[in-house]
Each structure stands twice: as structure tokens, then as C-alpha cells.
Amino acid sequence: MQPRNMSMSGVVDLAAVKAAQEAKAKAEQARAESARQGGAGAVSPADLVIDVDEAGFEQDVLQRSAEVPVVIDFWAEWCQPCKQLSPVLERLAVEYNGRFLLAKIDVDANQMLMQQFGVQGIPAVFAVVAGQALPLFQGAAGEQQIRQTLDQLVQVAEQRFGLTGLTVDPDAQPGAPAHQPVAAGPYDALLEAAVQALDAGDLGGAVQAYKNVLSDDPGNTEAKLGLAQAELLQRVQDADPQRVRKEAAEKPGDVAAQIAAADLDLVGGHVDDAFGRLIDTVRRTAGDDRDAVRRRLLELFEVVGPEDPRVVGARRALARALF
């Protein structure tokens, strides 16, 4: 899996949305299992800082990023600024008490990883959240700036991906397993089938697989989010963007035209535009038309995620438009 950049305040990335769904479900499952085990799975403070190489990157960084944000410190023995920055990061990793994991990568011994992340100079600090990589800062930043960046990272990881970090036990033995194996749930096969169908471009198959889960478990969070995403992609699959946007501009009172344009807005990453378009349409309509717009807006909320600040704000605006 190749690392890539992701803005913490940017537009919707549908691949990241899918990764977030999977990561959030896994995190919730792991926390539930830990609770059933009476709090099993705690790590020692020493386990919050790890050395990572190319051979262990998949397991130590990508896989772990599904349960905790992983901050990567690219360093080298000859780098004097690194000797100032690294101890600060290590101290903060312990201070943040499991809210993130610090992975240290020696660039001299891991040139391939340095190239994959596009590191131009060191020290360089990145993060990986739910398999998605994003740059944090380069150079020996001040501690206040580092804290602000880490606070934002932790907030995004929790709100968008449901990652609340690791449980730390000062009495735990260093090197102990970070978590207990989680038994497969009754819907894992169906959910995996849906993800595979999405990857293969079989949107109809993905929609049906998610519906199969929801028919037995209407509250299944992963299936609800997955269905909303798959149905959105299915709706825009054969759309002519130029025609859709032309009709929406020429027919502001046409509910179907505004709904179709909002779908394209969201797929294109214009989240606020999509929400604003539909909220404005709610204000101008009544009866069945208004209800159709409201339902579509709620579906788009599911795609972005209920905890996303843009969704929270749009829900308030929708309430004002309705009442």
C-alpha cells in the first residue's frame, strides 16, 4: 500500500471514507472485545515509541493505524535537528498516553520508505490514520507547534475515524501483545463481500450486500455508511456532469436537478456546496418535494460521517430551514 497525502480539513476522499468505515468498525470491535476481557490489551508506556523498518512497515504502521494514529519520525544519526526533535516527540508520545503511536524510521536504512513518502529533508514528521498518510511538519518545530499539530491529529482521528487510541498500563510488560484477537462477527463475510464488490466496480452487488446486512441488523453502522457510499456512486456512475450542472443552474426550482447536482458536488469533494444546495432547496420547497430533498441530504450526511463538523453544522442549518 503506497502512502499518500491527505488534508485533515480537506474534501471528501471516497477511498478514505471506505477506509474510515473499516477502521472505525475494527476499532469499535477491538474496544468491545477489550471490555469483555476486563480491560485486556493494555500496552506499557515503552511500547508507545517503536523503531520501524521496511519489512515491518505494513504490520507496525499500516495495520496499527486502524486502531491508533501513527506518527512517523524520519530521522538519521548524522542529523543534528533530529537529535533535538526526536526526544520531544518521544516524551509527548508518553504524555499523550496512547492517543498516538510514535514510529521512528532511520532514513539511511530505509531509503524506499523515505522515497515513498516524498521526504525531501529531515527531520520530517508524517502521520498515518486508517491507512491514509498525511504530512505534519518538516524541520525542528517548536513544542507548542508540535502540540497543536498533535491535538488536531488526535481530534481528526477520533471524530472521522473513531480511533480513540491505545490503553496504557504503567505496570504492563513492554512488548506484550497490544490487543487480543477479535473473533469474526456474524456479518464479516457479507461486509467483506461488499467491500470487494466496491473495489471491483460492482456497485449493484455492493448495494445488495450492505442491504443484506441491514435487513437483519438495521443498526449496523458499517453497513449503513457503506450503503450510503455505494448508492451515491451508483447514482453518479452514468451522469453527464456538464448536463447535470447546466440543468441545475437553469432550473433552481427543479428538485430532481438540484439533488443530482448535489450528488456530483459531494463526489467531487465539494461538501459544503452539496449541503448548501440542498438546504437552500429545502427552504424553497414544501410537501413531497421538500421531503425528497431532506431524505437525500440525510443520505449524504451518512457518506461524510455523522461526527464530521460539516455535517454537524449542516444539521443545524437544516433544522432552521425546516422549522
C-alpha atoms as a PDB file:
ATOM      1  CA  MET A   1       0.000   0.000   0.000  1.00  0.00           C
ATOM      2  CA  GLN A   2       1.506   3.285  -1.124  1.00  0.00           C
ATOM      3  CA  PRO A   3       1.339   6.196   1.310  1.00  0.00           C
ATOM      4  CA  ARG A   4      -0.390   9.323   0.065  1.00  0.00           C
ATOM      5  CA  ASN A   5      -1.155  12.778   1.320  1.00  0.00           C
ATOM      6  CA  MET A   6      -4.498  13.606   2.923  1.00  0.00           C
ATOM      7  CA  SER A   7      -5.544  17.027   4.142  1.00  0.00           C
ATOM      8  CA  MET A   8      -7.080  16.932   7.596  1.00  0.00           C
ATOM      9  CA  SER A   9      -9.524  19.691   6.683  1.00  0.00           C
ATOM     10  CA  GLY A  10      -9.948  18.894   3.000  1.00  0.00           C
ATOM     11  CA  VAL A  11     -12.642  17.453   0.816  1.00  0.00           C
ATOM     12  CA  VAL A  12     -14.229  14.050   0.897  1.00  0.00           C
ATOM     13  CA  ASP A  13     -12.000  11.297  -0.436  1.00  0.00           C
ATOM     14  CA  LEU A  14     -14.234   8.298  -1.098  1.00  0.00           C
ATOM     15  CA  ALA A  15     -11.340   5.869  -0.720  1.00  0.00           C
ATOM     16  CA  ALA A  16     -10.593   7.449   2.644  1.00  0.00           C
ATOM     17  CA  VAL A  17     -14.266   7.225   3.568  1.00  0.00           C
ATOM     18  CA  LYS A  18     -14.213   3.491   2.927  1.00  0.00           C
ATOM     19  CA  ALA A  19     -11.016   3.106   4.915  1.00  0.00           C
ATOM     20  CA  ALA A  20     -12.562   5.134   7.711  1.00  0.00           C
ATOM     21  CA  GLN A  21     -15.610   2.878   7.786  1.00  0.00           C
ATOM     22  CA  GLU A  22     -13.447  -0.231   8.039  1.00  0.00           C
ATOM     23  CA  ALA A  23     -11.128   1.304  10.613  1.00  0.00           C
ATOM     24  CA  LYS A  24     -13.972   2.602  12.738  1.00  0.00           C
ATOM     25  CA  ALA A  25     -15.697  -0.783  12.752  1.00  0.00           C
ATOM     26  CA  LYS A  26     -12.459  -2.560  13.667  1.00  0.00           C
ATOM     27  CA  ALA A  27     -11.714  -0.065  16.427  1.00  0.00           C
ATOM     28  CA  GLU A  28     -15.187  -0.450  17.903  1.00  0.00           C
ATOM     29  CA  GLN A  29     -14.897  -4.234  17.712  1.00  0.00           C
ATOM     30  CA  ALA A  30     -11.493  -4.189  19.385  1.00  0.00           C
ATOM     31  CA  ARG A  31     -12.731  -1.927  22.186  1.00  0.00           C
ATOM     32  CA  ALA A  32     -15.744  -4.173  22.762  1.00  0.00           C
ATOM     33  CA  GLU A  33     -13.526  -7.224  22.935  1.00  0.00           C
ATOM     34  CA  SER A  34     -11.163  -5.465  25.327  1.00  0.00           C
ATOM     35  CA  ALA A  35     -14.107  -4.592  27.575  1.00  0.00           C
ATOM     36  CA  ARG A  36     -15.286  -8.205  27.561  1.00  0.00           C
ATOM     37  CA  GLN A  37     -11.780  -9.252  28.579  1.00  0.00           C
ATOM     38  CA  GLY A  38     -11.882  -6.906  31.552  1.00  0.00           C
ATOM     39  CA  GLY A  39      -9.596  -4.319  30.017  1.00  0.00           C
ATOM     40  CA  ALA A  40      -7.138  -6.739  28.400  1.00  0.00           C
ATOM     41  CA  GLY A  41      -4.911  -5.383  25.683  1.00  0.00           C
ATOM     42  CA  ALA A  42      -3.147  -2.557  27.523  1.00  0.00           C
ATOM     43  CA  VAL A  43       0.368  -1.602  26.440  1.00  0.00           C
ATOM     44  CA  SER A  44       3.240  -0.269  28.502  1.00  0.00           C
ATOM     45  CA  PRO A  45       4.490   3.333  28.062  1.00  0.00           C
ATOM     46  CA  ALA A  46       7.641   1.896  26.477  1.00  0.00           C
ATOM     47  CA  ASP A  47       5.530   0.407  23.662  1.00  0.00           C
ATOM     48  CA  LEU A  48       4.332   3.861  22.567  1.00  0.00           C
ATOM     49  CA  VAL A  49       7.641   4.509  20.777  1.00  0.00           C
ATOM     50  CA  ILE A  50       8.788   1.906  18.238  1.00  0.00           C
ATOM     51  CA  ASP A  51      11.528   1.567  15.634  1.00  0.00           C
ATOM     52  CA  VAL A  52      10.155   0.635  12.215  1.00  0.00           C
ATOM     53  CA  ASP A  53      11.867  -0.636   9.075  1.00  0.00           C
ATOM     54  CA  GLU A  54      10.666  -1.511   5.585  1.00  0.00           C
ATOM     55  CA  ALA A  55       9.997  -5.139   6.490  1.00  0.00           C
ATOM     56  CA  GLY A  56       7.767  -4.240   9.423  1.00  0.00           C
ATOM     57  CA  PHE A  57       6.068  -1.167   7.938  1.00  0.00           C
ATOM     58  CA  GLU A  58       2.906  -2.990   6.824  1.00  0.00           C
ATOM     59  CA  GLN A  59       2.256  -4.523  10.240  1.00  0.00           C
ATOM     60  CA  ASP A  60       3.718  -1.879  12.553  1.00  0.00           C
ATOM     61  CA  VAL A  61       2.339   1.198  10.799  1.00  0.00           C
ATOM     62  CA  LEU A  62      -0.406   0.466   8.276  1.00  0.00           C
ATOM     63  CA  GLN A  63      -2.179  -2.217  10.289  1.00  0.00           C
ATOM     64  CA  ARG A  64      -1.737  -0.414  13.603  1.00  0.00           C
ATOM     65  CA  SER A  65      -3.135   2.784  12.056  1.00  0.00           C
ATOM     66  CA  ALA A  66      -6.547   1.083  12.014  1.00  0.00           C
ATOM     67  CA  GLU A  67      -6.598   1.283  15.831  1.00  0.00           C
ATOM     68  CA  VAL A  68      -4.446   4.288  16.701  1.00  0.00           C
ATOM     69  CA  PRO A  69      -2.929   7.264  14.795  1.00  0.00           C
ATOM     70  CA  VAL A  70       0.706   6.505  13.975  1.00  0.00           C
ATOM     71  CA  VAL A  71       3.105   9.466  13.914  1.00  0.00           C
ATOM     72  CA  ILE A  72       6.238   8.795  11.861  1.00  0.00           C
ATOM     73  CA  ASP A  73       9.545  10.480  12.721  1.00  0.00           C
ATOM     74  CA  PHE A  74      12.003  10.286   9.793  1.00  0.00           C
ATOM     75  CA  TRP A  75      15.493  10.774  11.244  1.00  0.00           C
ATOM     76  CA  ALA A  76      19.190   9.915  10.829  1.00  0.00           C
ATOM     77  CA  GLU A  77      22.115   9.642  13.214  1.00  0.00           C
ATOM     78  CA  TRP A  78      24.027  12.456  11.483  1.00  0.00           C
ATOM     79  CA  CYS A  79      21.044  14.873  11.593  1.00  0.00           C
ATOM     80  CA  GLN A  80      21.547  17.410  14.387  1.00  0.00           C
ATOM     81  CA  PRO A  81      17.977  18.862  14.276  1.00  0.00           C
ATOM     82  CA  CYS A  82      16.702  15.285  14.579  1.00  0.00           C
ATOM     83  CA  LYS A  83      18.509  14.982  17.889  1.00  0.00           C
ATOM     84  CA  GLN A  84      16.548  17.966  19.140  1.00  0.00           C
ATOM     85  CA  LEU A  85      13.149  16.899  17.772  1.00  0.00           C
ATOM     86  CA  SER A  86      13.104  13.159  18.446  1.00  0.00           C
ATOM     87  CA  PRO A  87      13.309  13.391  22.260  1.00  0.00           C
ATOM     88  CA  VAL A  88      10.412  15.862  22.263  1.00  0.00           C
ATOM     89  CA  LEU A  89       8.259  13.524  20.181  1.00  0.00           C
ATOM     90  CA  GLU A  90       9.163  10.565  22.387  1.00  0.00           C
ATOM     91  CA  ARG A  91       8.264  12.487  25.532  1.00  0.00           C
ATOM     92  CA  LEU A  92       4.957  13.651  24.048  1.00  0.00           C
ATOM     93  CA  ALA A  93       4.089  10.113  22.943  1.00  0.00           C
ATOM     94  CA  VAL A  94       4.228   9.035  26.577  1.00  0.00           C
ATOM     95  CA  GLU A  95       2.487  12.196  27.784  1.00  0.00           C
ATOM     96  CA  TYR A  96      -0.410  11.728  25.349  1.00  0.00           C
ATOM     97  CA  ASN A  97      -0.894   8.328  26.984  1.00  0.00           C
ATOM     98  CA  GLY A  98      -1.763   6.197  23.967  1.00  0.00           C
ATOM     99  CA  ARG A  99      -3.612   8.786  21.866  1.00  0.00           C
ATOM    100  CA  PHE A 100      -0.967   8.200  19.196  1.00  0.00           C
ATOM    101  CA  LEU A 101       1.885   5.779  18.496  1.00  0.00           C
ATOM    102  CA  LEU A 102       5.324   7.114  17.523  1.00  0.00           C
ATOM    103  CA  ALA A 103       7.171   5.178  14.814  1.00  0.00           C
ATOM    104  CA  LYS A 104      10.827   6.123  14.256  1.00  0.00           C
ATOM    105  CA  ILE A 105      12.306   5.440  10.803  1.00  0.00           C
ATOM    106  CA  ASP A 106      16.034   5.728  10.121  1.00  0.00           C
ATOM    107  CA  VAL A 107      16.219   7.102   6.567  1.00  0.00           C
ATOM    108  CA  ASP A 108      19.722   5.775   5.955  1.00  0.00           C
ATOM    109  CA  ALA A 109      18.496   2.225   6.475  1.00  0.00           C
ATOM    110  CA  ASN A 110      15.087   2.698   4.851  1.00  0.00           C
ATOM    111  CA  GLN A 111      15.564   4.681   1.663  1.00  0.00           C
ATOM    112  CA  MET A 112      12.493   3.168  -0.013  1.00  0.00           C
ATOM    113  CA  LEU A 113      10.150   4.421   2.697  1.00  0.00           C
ATOM    114  CA  MET A 114      11.744   7.846   2.513  1.00  0.00           C
ATOM    115  CA  GLN A 115      11.072   7.941  -1.249  1.00  0.00           C
ATOM    116  CA  GLN A 116       7.502   6.650  -0.926  1.00  0.00           C
ATOM    117  CA  PHE A 117       6.610   9.443   1.474  1.00  0.00           C
ATOM    118  CA  GLY A 118       8.360  12.033  -0.691  1.00  0.00           C
ATOM    119  CA  VAL A 119      10.659  13.153   2.122  1.00  0.00           C
ATOM    120  CA  GLN A 120      12.881  15.959   0.846  1.00  0.00           C
ATOM    121  CA  GLY A 121      14.767  16.642   4.049  1.00  0.00           C
ATOM    122  CA  ILE A 122      14.885  15.594   7.676  1.00  0.00           C
ATOM    123  CA  PRO A 123      13.625  15.718  10.275  1.00  0.00           C
ATOM    124  CA  ALA A 124      10.258  15.124   8.662  1.00  0.00           C
ATOM    125  CA  VAL A 125       7.127  14.074  10.513  1.00  0.00           C
ATOM    126  CA  PHE A 126       4.128  12.345   8.963  1.00  0.00           C
ATOM    127  CA  ALA A 127       1.070  10.551  10.308  1.00  0.00           C
ATOM    128  CA  VAL A 128      -0.864   7.521   9.109  1.00  0.00           C
ATOM    129  CA  VAL A 129      -4.533   7.233  10.068  1.00  0.00           C
ATOM    130  CA  ALA A 130      -6.629   4.274   8.883  1.00  0.00           C
ATOM    131  CA  GLY A 131      -4.036   3.553   6.209  1.00  0.00           C
ATOM    132  CA  GLN A 132      -4.029   7.135   4.927  1.00  0.00           C
ATOM    133  CA  ALA A 133      -0.790   9.141   5.103  1.00  0.00           C
ATOM    134  CA  LEU A 134      -0.557  12.880   5.655  1.00  0.00           C
ATOM    135  CA  PRO A 135       2.362  15.260   6.247  1.00  0.00           C
ATOM    136  CA  LEU A 136       2.516  17.037   9.595  1.00  0.00           C
ATOM    137  CA  PHE A 137       5.630  19.211   9.517  1.00  0.00           C
ATOM    138  CA  GLN A 138       9.284  19.307   8.480  1.00  0.00           C
ATOM    139  CA  GLY A 139      12.201  20.620  10.493  1.00  0.00           C
ATOM    140  CA  ALA A 140      12.757  21.033  14.217  1.00  0.00           C
ATOM    141  CA  ALA A 141       9.423  22.654  15.090  1.00  0.00           C
ATOM    142  CA  GLY A 142       8.787  24.234  18.465  1.00  0.00           C
ATOM    143  CA  GLU A 143       6.987  22.232  21.121  1.00  0.00           C
ATOM    144  CA  GLN A 144       3.906  24.466  21.069  1.00  0.00           C
ATOM    145  CA  GLN A 145       3.501  23.956  17.320  1.00  0.00           C
ATOM    146  CA  ILE A 146       4.026  20.210  17.742  1.00  0.00           C
ATOM    147  CA  ARG A 147       1.356  20.031  20.448  1.00  0.00           C
ATOM    148  CA  GLN A 148      -1.128  21.942  18.300  1.00  0.00           C
ATOM    149  CA  THR A 149      -0.492  19.608  15.382  1.00  0.00           C
ATOM    150  CA  LEU A 150      -0.842  16.501  17.549  1.00  0.00           C
ATOM    151  CA  ASP A 151      -4.040  17.832  19.124  1.00  0.00           C
ATOM    152  CA  GLN A 152      -5.533  18.325  15.668  1.00  0.00           C
ATOM    153  CA  LEU A 153      -4.404  14.871  14.566  1.00  0.00           C
ATOM    154  CA  VAL A 154      -5.928  13.195  17.617  1.00  0.00           C
ATOM    155  CA  GLN A 155      -9.184  15.099  17.124  1.00  0.00           C
ATOM    156  CA  VAL A 156      -9.470  14.161  13.450  1.00  0.00           C
ATOM    157  CA  ALA A 157      -8.616  10.515  14.152  1.00  0.00           C
ATOM    158  CA  GLU A 158     -11.352  10.295  16.767  1.00  0.00           C
ATOM    159  CA  GLN A 159     -14.070  12.295  15.013  1.00  0.00           C
ATOM    160  CA  ARG A 160     -13.656  10.984  11.481  1.00  0.00           C
ATOM    161  CA  PHE A 161     -12.260   7.520  12.082  1.00  0.00           C
ATOM    162  CA  GLY A 162     -13.426   6.571  15.573  1.00  0.00           C
ATOM    163  CA  LEU A 163      -9.840   5.930  16.744  1.00  0.00           C
ATOM    164  CA  THR A 164      -9.565   6.674  20.454  1.00  0.00           C
ATOM    165  CA  GLY A 165      -6.055   5.283  20.885  1.00  0.00           C
ATOM    166  CA  LEU A 166      -4.436   2.597  22.994  1.00  0.00           C
ATOM    167  CA  THR A 167      -4.995   1.707  26.630  1.00  0.00           C
ATOM    168  CA  VAL A 168      -1.778   2.284  28.573  1.00  0.00           C
ATOM    169  CA  ASP A 169      -0.930   0.406  31.773  1.00  0.00           C
ATOM    170  CA  PRO A 170       2.259   1.509  33.587  1.00  0.00           C
ATOM    171  CA  ASP A 171       2.528  -1.999  35.044  1.00  0.00           C
ATOM    172  CA  ALA A 172       2.238  -3.798  31.682  1.00  0.00           C
ATOM    173  CA  GLN A 173       5.291  -5.638  30.428  1.00  0.00           C
ATOM    174  CA  PRO A 174       6.982  -3.974  27.415  1.00  0.00           C
ATOM    175  CA  GLY A 175       6.477  -5.946  24.228  1.00  0.00           C
ATOM    176  CA  ALA A 176       3.227  -7.569  25.366  1.00  0.00           C
ATOM    177  CA  PRO A 177       0.553  -8.042  22.673  1.00  0.00           C
ATOM    178  CA  ALA A 178      -1.240  -4.770  22.041  1.00  0.00           C
ATOM    179  CA  HIS A 179      -4.638  -6.393  21.741  1.00  0.00           C
ATOM    180  CA  GLN A 180      -6.413  -9.699  21.925  1.00  0.00           C
ATOM    181  CA  PRO A 181      -7.509 -11.386  18.680  1.00  0.00           C
ATOM    182  CA  VAL A 182     -11.052 -10.356  17.837  1.00  0.00           C
ATOM    183  CA  ALA A 183     -13.452 -13.081  16.806  1.00  0.00           C
ATOM    184  CA  ALA A 184     -15.137 -12.670  13.460  1.00  0.00           C
ATOM    185  CA  GLY A 185     -18.635 -11.286  13.727  1.00  0.00           C
ATOM    186  CA  PRO A 186     -21.697 -12.769  12.060  1.00  0.00           C
ATOM    187  CA  TYR A 187     -21.714 -10.196   9.238  1.00  0.00           C
ATOM    188  CA  ASP A 188     -17.986 -10.093   8.462  1.00  0.00           C
ATOM    189  CA  ALA A 189     -18.325 -12.209   5.318  1.00  0.00           C
ATOM    190  CA  LEU A 190     -21.135 -10.066   3.912  1.00  0.00           C
ATOM    191  CA  LEU A 191     -19.323  -6.834   4.705  1.00  0.00           C
ATOM    192  CA  GLU A 192     -16.136  -8.128   3.113  1.00  0.00           C
ATOM    193  CA  ALA A 193     -18.138  -9.146   0.036  1.00  0.00           C
ATOM    194  CA  ALA A 194     -19.498  -5.612  -0.181  1.00  0.00           C
ATOM    195  CA  VAL A 195     -16.016  -4.097   0.031  1.00  0.00           C
ATOM    196  CA  GLN A 196     -14.733  -6.463  -2.666  1.00  0.00           C
ATOM    197  CA  ALA A 197     -17.677  -5.562  -4.886  1.00  0.00           C
ATOM    198  CA  LEU A 198     -16.854  -1.853  -4.444  1.00  0.00           C
ATOM    199  CA  ASP A 199     -13.231  -2.486  -5.340  1.00  0.00           C
ATOM    200  CA  ALA A 200     -14.326  -4.382  -8.466  1.00  0.00           C
ATOM    201  CA  GLY A 201     -16.732  -1.634  -9.530  1.00  0.00           C
ATOM    202  CA  ASP A 202     -19.779  -3.844  -8.946  1.00  0.00           C
ATOM    203  CA  LEU A 203     -21.872  -1.147  -7.297  1.00  0.00           C
ATOM    204  CA  GLY A 204     -25.116  -3.112  -7.546  1.00  0.00           C
ATOM    205  CA  GLY A 205     -23.502  -6.066  -5.798  1.00  0.00           C
ATOM    206  CA  ALA A 206     -22.145  -3.816  -3.053  1.00  0.00           C
ATOM    207  CA  VAL A 207     -25.547  -2.207  -2.505  1.00  0.00           C
ATOM    208  CA  GLN A 208     -27.231  -5.594  -2.210  1.00  0.00           C
ATOM    209  CA  ALA A 209     -24.579  -6.940   0.173  1.00  0.00           C
ATOM    210  CA  TYR A 210     -24.991  -3.975   2.509  1.00  0.00           C
ATOM    211  CA  LYS A 211     -28.782  -4.288   2.333  1.00  0.00           C
ATOM    212  CA  ASN A 212     -28.498  -7.960   3.264  1.00  0.00           C
ATOM    213  CA  VAL A 213     -26.706  -6.977   6.470  1.00  0.00           C
ATOM    214  CA  LEU A 214     -29.171  -4.213   7.282  1.00  0.00           C
ATOM    215  CA  SER A 215     -32.170  -6.487   6.758  1.00  0.00           C
ATOM    216  CA  ASP A 216     -31.035  -8.484   9.801  1.00  0.00           C
ATOM    217  CA  ASP A 217     -29.234  -5.712  11.682  1.00  0.00           C
ATOM    218  CA  PRO A 218     -30.761  -2.293  10.848  1.00  0.00           C
ATOM    219  CA  GLY A 219     -28.391  -0.500  13.227  1.00  0.00           C
ATOM    220  CA  ASN A 220     -25.149  -1.850  11.736  1.00  0.00           C
ATOM    221  CA  THR A 221     -23.015   1.291  11.404  1.00  0.00           C
ATOM    222  CA  GLU A 222     -20.560  -0.030   8.830  1.00  0.00           C
ATOM    223  CA  ALA A 223     -23.343  -1.319   6.578  1.00  0.00           C
ATOM    224  CA  LYS A 224     -25.273   1.966   6.791  1.00  0.00           C
ATOM    225  CA  LEU A 225     -22.216   4.014   5.844  1.00  0.00           C
ATOM    226  CA  GLY A 226     -21.216   1.566   3.128  1.00  0.00           C
ATOM    227  CA  LEU A 227     -24.701   1.538   1.613  1.00  0.00           C
ATOM    228  CA  ALA A 228     -24.825   5.337   1.506  1.00  0.00           C
ATOM    229  CA  GLN A 229     -21.472   5.450  -0.292  1.00  0.00           C
ATOM    230  CA  ALA A 230     -22.310   2.669  -2.759  1.00  0.00           C
ATOM    231  CA  GLU A 231     -25.685   4.193  -3.632  1.00  0.00           C
ATOM    232  CA  LEU A 232     -24.083   7.594  -4.189  1.00  0.00           C
ATOM    233  CA  LEU A 233     -21.509   6.138  -6.565  1.00  0.00           C
ATOM    234  CA  GLN A 234     -24.256   4.187  -8.325  1.00  0.00           C
ATOM    235  CA  ARG A 235     -26.327   7.342  -8.860  1.00  0.00           C
ATOM    236  CA  VAL A 236     -23.496   9.340 -10.449  1.00  0.00           C
ATOM    237  CA  GLN A 237     -21.948   6.468 -12.386  1.00  0.00           C
ATOM    238  CA  ASP A 238     -23.593   7.335 -15.723  1.00  0.00           C
ATOM    239  CA  ALA A 239     -24.262  11.012 -15.130  1.00  0.00           C
ATOM    240  CA  ASP A 240     -23.106  13.695 -17.578  1.00  0.00           C
ATOM    241  CA  PRO A 241     -21.616  16.305 -15.212  1.00  0.00           C
ATOM    242  CA  GLN A 242     -21.888  19.165 -17.702  1.00  0.00           C
ATOM    243  CA  ARG A 243     -25.559  18.458 -18.424  1.00  0.00           C
ATOM    244  CA  VAL A 244     -26.428  17.952 -14.746  1.00  0.00           C
ATOM    245  CA  ARG A 245     -24.821  21.232 -13.688  1.00  0.00           C
ATOM    246  CA  LYS A 246     -26.384  23.122 -16.616  1.00  0.00           C
ATOM    247  CA  GLU A 247     -29.863  21.918 -15.669  1.00  0.00           C
ATOM    248  CA  ALA A 248     -29.336  22.787 -12.010  1.00  0.00           C
ATOM    249  CA  ALA A 249     -28.197  26.306 -12.910  1.00  0.00           C
ATOM    250  CA  GLU A 250     -31.088  26.897 -15.328  1.00  0.00           C
ATOM    251  CA  LYS A 251     -33.774  25.308 -13.120  1.00  0.00           C
ATOM    252  CA  PRO A 252     -33.233  26.349  -9.491  1.00  0.00           C
ATOM    253  CA  GLY A 253     -36.749  25.183  -8.651  1.00  0.00           C
ATOM    254  CA  ASP A 254     -36.311  21.710 -10.145  1.00  0.00           C
ATOM    255  CA  VAL A 255     -35.866  19.385  -7.159  1.00  0.00           C
ATOM    256  CA  ALA A 256     -34.518  16.460  -9.187  1.00  0.00           C
ATOM    257  CA  ALA A 257     -31.932  18.711 -10.875  1.00  0.00           C
ATOM    258  CA  GLN A 258     -30.719  20.112  -7.546  1.00  0.00           C
ATOM    259  CA  ILE A 259     -30.485  16.647  -5.985  1.00  0.00           C
ATOM    260  CA  ALA A 260     -28.476  15.309  -8.948  1.00  0.00           C
ATOM    261  CA  ALA A 261     -26.104  18.293  -8.778  1.00  0.00           C
ATOM    262  CA  ALA A 262     -25.632  17.819  -5.035  1.00  0.00           C
ATOM    263  CA  ASP A 263     -24.582  14.209  -5.631  1.00  0.00           C
ATOM    264  CA  LEU A 264     -21.933  15.403  -8.083  1.00  0.00           C
ATOM    265  CA  ASP A 265     -20.834  18.119  -5.668  1.00  0.00           C
ATOM    266  CA  LEU A 266     -20.188  15.542  -2.962  1.00  0.00           C
ATOM    267  CA  VAL A 267     -18.361  13.073  -5.212  1.00  0.00           C
ATOM    268  CA  GLY A 268     -16.200  15.961  -6.402  1.00  0.00           C
ATOM    269  CA  GLY A 269     -15.327  16.809  -2.814  1.00  0.00           C
ATOM    270  CA  HIS A 270     -17.412  19.992  -2.607  1.00  0.00           C
ATOM    271  CA  VAL A 271     -19.087  19.024   0.644  1.00  0.00           C
ATOM    272  CA  ASP A 272     -20.304  22.451   1.741  1.00  0.00           C
ATOM    273  CA  ASP A 273     -21.653  23.153  -1.761  1.00  0.00           C
ATOM    274  CA  ALA A 274     -23.634  19.911  -1.745  1.00  0.00           C
ATOM    275  CA  PHE A 275     -25.111  20.559   1.678  1.00  0.00           C
ATOM    276  CA  GLY A 276     -25.796  24.226   0.985  1.00  0.00           C
ATOM    277  CA  ARG A 277     -27.529  23.450  -2.321  1.00  0.00           C
ATOM    278  CA  LEU A 278     -29.936  21.015  -0.693  1.00  0.00           C
ATOM    279  CA  ILE A 279     -30.611  23.181   2.360  1.00  0.00           C
ATOM    280  CA  ASP A 280     -31.467  26.103   0.055  1.00  0.00           C
ATOM    281  CA  THR A 281     -33.780  23.788  -1.879  1.00  0.00           C
ATOM    282  CA  VAL A 282     -35.484  22.737   1.342  1.00  0.00           C
ATOM    283  CA  ARG A 283     -36.208  26.397   2.077  1.00  0.00           C
ATOM    284  CA  ARG A 284     -37.823  26.883  -1.361  1.00  0.00           C
ATOM    285  CA  THR A 285     -39.971  23.745  -1.390  1.00  0.00           C
ATOM    286  CA  ALA A 286     -42.809  22.115   0.511  1.00  0.00           C
ATOM    287  CA  GLY A 287     -44.636  18.809   0.797  1.00  0.00           C
ATOM    288  CA  ASP A 288     -43.266  15.760  -1.018  1.00  0.00           C
ATOM    289  CA  ASP A 289     -40.577  17.786  -2.815  1.00  0.00           C
ATOM    290  CA  ARG A 290     -39.201  19.097   0.463  1.00  0.00           C
ATOM    291  CA  ASP A 291     -39.253  15.613   1.983  1.00  0.00           C
ATOM    292  CA  ALA A 292     -37.353  14.163  -1.001  1.00  0.00           C
ATOM    293  CA  VAL A 293     -34.621  16.781  -0.629  1.00  0.00           C
ATOM    294  CA  ARG A 294     -34.430  16.235   3.126  1.00  0.00           C
ATOM    295  CA  ARG A 295     -34.038  12.461   2.676  1.00  0.00           C
ATOM    296  CA  ARG A 296     -31.240  12.892   0.141  1.00  0.00           C
ATOM    297  CA  LEU A 297     -29.445  15.324   2.439  1.00  0.00           C
ATOM    298  CA  LEU A 298     -29.603  12.793   5.285  1.00  0.00           C
ATOM    299  CA  GLU A 299     -28.141  10.152   2.946  1.00  0.00           C
ATOM    300  CA  LEU A 300     -25.236  12.449   2.093  1.00  0.00           C
ATOM    301  CA  PHE A 301     -24.677  13.039   5.813  1.00  0.00           C
ATOM    302  CA  GLU A 302     -24.136   9.272   6.124  1.00  0.00           C
ATOM    303  CA  VAL A 303     -21.491   9.334   3.369  1.00  0.00           C
ATOM    304  CA  VAL A 304     -19.455  12.065   5.055  1.00  0.00           C
ATOM    305  CA  GLY A 305     -19.927  10.732   8.588  1.00  0.00           C
ATOM    306  CA  PRO A 306     -22.161  11.972  11.403  1.00  0.00           C
ATOM    307  CA  GLU A 307     -19.282  13.325  13.508  1.00  0.00           C
ATOM    308  CA  ASP A 308     -17.797  15.457  10.723  1.00  0.00           C
ATOM    309  CA  PRO A 309     -18.027  19.170  11.691  1.00  0.00           C
ATOM    310  CA  ARG A 310     -19.531  19.982   8.274  1.00  0.00           C
ATOM    311  CA  VAL A 311     -22.343  17.517   8.927  1.00  0.00           C
ATOM    312  CA  VAL A 312     -22.931  18.918  12.399  1.00  0.00           C
ATOM    313  CA  GLY A 313     -23.231  22.441  11.006  1.00  0.00           C
ATOM    314  CA  ALA A 314     -25.451  21.337   8.122  1.00  0.00           C
ATOM    315  CA  ARG A 315     -27.796  19.538  10.509  1.00  0.00           C
ATOM    316  CA  ARG A 316     -28.299  22.773  12.412  1.00  0.00           C
ATOM    317  CA  ALA A 317     -28.921  24.663   9.177  1.00  0.00           C
ATOM    318  CA  LEU A 318     -31.403  22.001   8.041  1.00  0.00           C
ATOM    319  CA  ALA A 319     -33.301  22.289  11.317  1.00  0.00           C
ATOM    320  CA  ARG A 320     -33.558  26.063  10.856  1.00  0.00           C
ATOM    321  CA  ALA A 321     -34.773  25.601   7.274  1.00  0.00           C
ATOM    322  CA  LEU A 322     -37.422  23.084   8.309  1.00  0.00           C
ATOM    323  CA  PHE A 323     -38.716  24.850  11.382  1.00  0.00           C
END
